[in-house]
Amino acid sequence: MAVPKRKVSKARRDKRRSAVWKLELPGMMKCPKCGAYNLSHRVCKSCGYYRRREVLKIEEEKA
């Protein structure tokens, strides 16, 4: 069974636990139809289009 030979220093331990390796924010892109920002490869929440085709019927709010 593997046993540590020496104590792991606080700096080494904290380096390992740090957020250096975590992913960045997902790629955002502009919708070609309405110009709103949304995640890539997903339906636009503001207009309901995906790949220049209407996928969701979104009703506009009447003020």
C-alpha atoms as a PDB file:
ATOM      1  CA  MET A   1       0.000   0.000   0.000  1.00  0.00           C
ATOM      2  CA  ALA A   2       1.329   3.467  -0.914  1.00  0.00           C
ATOM      3  CA  VAL A   3       2.297   5.684   2.010  1.00  0.00           C
ATOM      4  CA  PRO A   4       3.619   9.266   1.725  1.00  0.00           C
ATOM      5  CA  LYS A   5       7.359   9.410   2.407  1.00  0.00           C
ATOM      6  CA  ARG A   6       7.315  13.049   3.570  1.00  0.00           C
ATOM      7  CA  LYS A   7       4.811  15.636   4.737  1.00  0.00           C
ATOM      8  CA  VAL A   8       3.243  17.641   1.909  1.00  0.00           C
ATOM      9  CA  SER A   9       3.939  21.331   2.463  1.00  0.00           C
ATOM     10  CA  LYS A  10       1.079  23.834   2.733  1.00  0.00           C
ATOM     11  CA  ALA A  11       2.186  25.565  -0.457  1.00  0.00           C
ATOM     12  CA  ARG A  12       2.200  22.334  -2.468  1.00  0.00           C
ATOM     13  CA  ARG A  13      -1.130  21.266  -0.989  1.00  0.00           C
ATOM     14  CA  ASP A  14      -2.749  24.631  -1.717  1.00  0.00           C
ATOM     15  CA  LYS A  15      -1.326  24.693  -5.251  1.00  0.00           C
ATOM     16  CA  ARG A  16      -3.028  21.403  -5.906  1.00  0.00           C
ATOM     17  CA  ARG A  17      -6.339  22.633  -4.463  1.00  0.00           C
ATOM     18  CA  SER A  18      -6.258  25.956  -6.313  1.00  0.00           C
ATOM     19  CA  ALA A  19      -8.579  26.850  -9.152  1.00  0.00           C
ATOM     20  CA  VAL A  20      -5.787  26.978 -11.764  1.00  0.00           C
ATOM     21  CA  TRP A  21      -6.988  23.872 -13.583  1.00  0.00           C
ATOM     22  CA  LYS A  22     -10.698  24.731 -13.655  1.00  0.00           C
ATOM     23  CA  LEU A  23     -12.458  25.524 -16.907  1.00  0.00           C
ATOM     24  CA  GLU A  24     -13.172  29.049 -18.063  1.00  0.00           C
ATOM     25  CA  LEU A  25     -16.580  30.465 -18.864  1.00  0.00           C
ATOM     26  CA  PRO A  26     -18.415  28.649 -21.662  1.00  0.00           C
ATOM     27  CA  GLY A  27     -18.251  30.144 -25.137  1.00  0.00           C
ATOM     28  CA  MET A  28     -20.865  32.813 -25.663  1.00  0.00           C
ATOM     29  CA  MET A  29     -21.840  33.933 -29.142  1.00  0.00           C
ATOM     30  CA  LYS A  30     -24.246  36.419 -30.704  1.00  0.00           C
ATOM     31  CA  CYS A  31     -27.473  35.169 -32.198  1.00  0.00           C
ATOM     32  CA  PRO A  32     -27.413  35.944 -35.950  1.00  0.00           C
ATOM     33  CA  LYS A  33     -31.134  36.796 -35.902  1.00  0.00           C
ATOM     34  CA  CYS A  34     -31.605  39.055 -32.855  1.00  0.00           C
ATOM     35  CA  GLY A  35     -28.030  39.765 -31.691  1.00  0.00           C
ATOM     36  CA  ALA A  36     -28.550  38.540 -28.122  1.00  0.00           C
ATOM     37  CA  TYR A  37     -25.739  36.612 -26.445  1.00  0.00           C
ATOM     38  CA  ASN A  38     -26.351  32.935 -25.679  1.00  0.00           C
ATOM     39  CA  LEU A  39     -24.410  29.701 -25.274  1.00  0.00           C
ATOM     40  CA  SER A  40     -23.236  28.127 -28.497  1.00  0.00           C
ATOM     41  CA  HIS A  41     -25.116  25.092 -29.866  1.00  0.00           C
ATOM     42  CA  ARG A  42     -28.294  26.065 -27.982  1.00  0.00           C
ATOM     43  CA  VAL A  43     -31.603  27.684 -28.881  1.00  0.00           C
ATOM     44  CA  CYS A  44     -31.667  31.464 -28.441  1.00  0.00           C
ATOM     45  CA  LYS A  45     -33.915  32.287 -25.493  1.00  0.00           C
ATOM     46  CA  SER A  46     -34.905  35.695 -26.809  1.00  0.00           C
ATOM     47  CA  CYS A  47     -36.030  34.777 -30.341  1.00  0.00           C
ATOM     48  CA  GLY A  48     -36.302  30.956 -30.313  1.00  0.00           C
ATOM     49  CA  TYR A  49     -34.051  30.319 -33.320  1.00  0.00           C
ATOM     50  CA  TYR A  50     -31.313  27.696 -33.688  1.00  0.00           C
ATOM     51  CA  ARG A  51     -29.145  27.466 -36.821  1.00  0.00           C
ATOM     52  CA  ARG A  52     -31.349  30.011 -38.612  1.00  0.00           C
ATOM     53  CA  ARG A  53     -34.488  27.926 -38.060  1.00  0.00           C
ATOM     54  CA  GLU A  54     -37.327  28.690 -35.645  1.00  0.00           C
ATOM     55  CA  VAL A  55     -37.387  25.982 -32.998  1.00  0.00           C
ATOM     56  CA  LEU A  56     -39.430  27.616 -30.221  1.00  0.00           C
ATOM     57  CA  LYS A  57     -42.421  29.886 -30.555  1.00  0.00           C
ATOM     58  CA  ILE A  58     -41.701  32.793 -28.229  1.00  0.00           C
ATOM     59  CA  GLU A  59     -44.480  35.280 -27.696  1.00  0.00           C
ATOM     60  CA  GLU A  60     -43.434  38.889 -27.229  1.00  0.00           C
ATOM     61  CA  GLU A  61     -44.609  40.650 -24.081  1.00  0.00           C
ATOM     62  CA  LYS A  62     -47.240  43.286 -24.741  1.00  0.00           C
ATOM     63  CA  ALA A  63     -46.596  46.372 -22.622  1.00  0.00           C
END
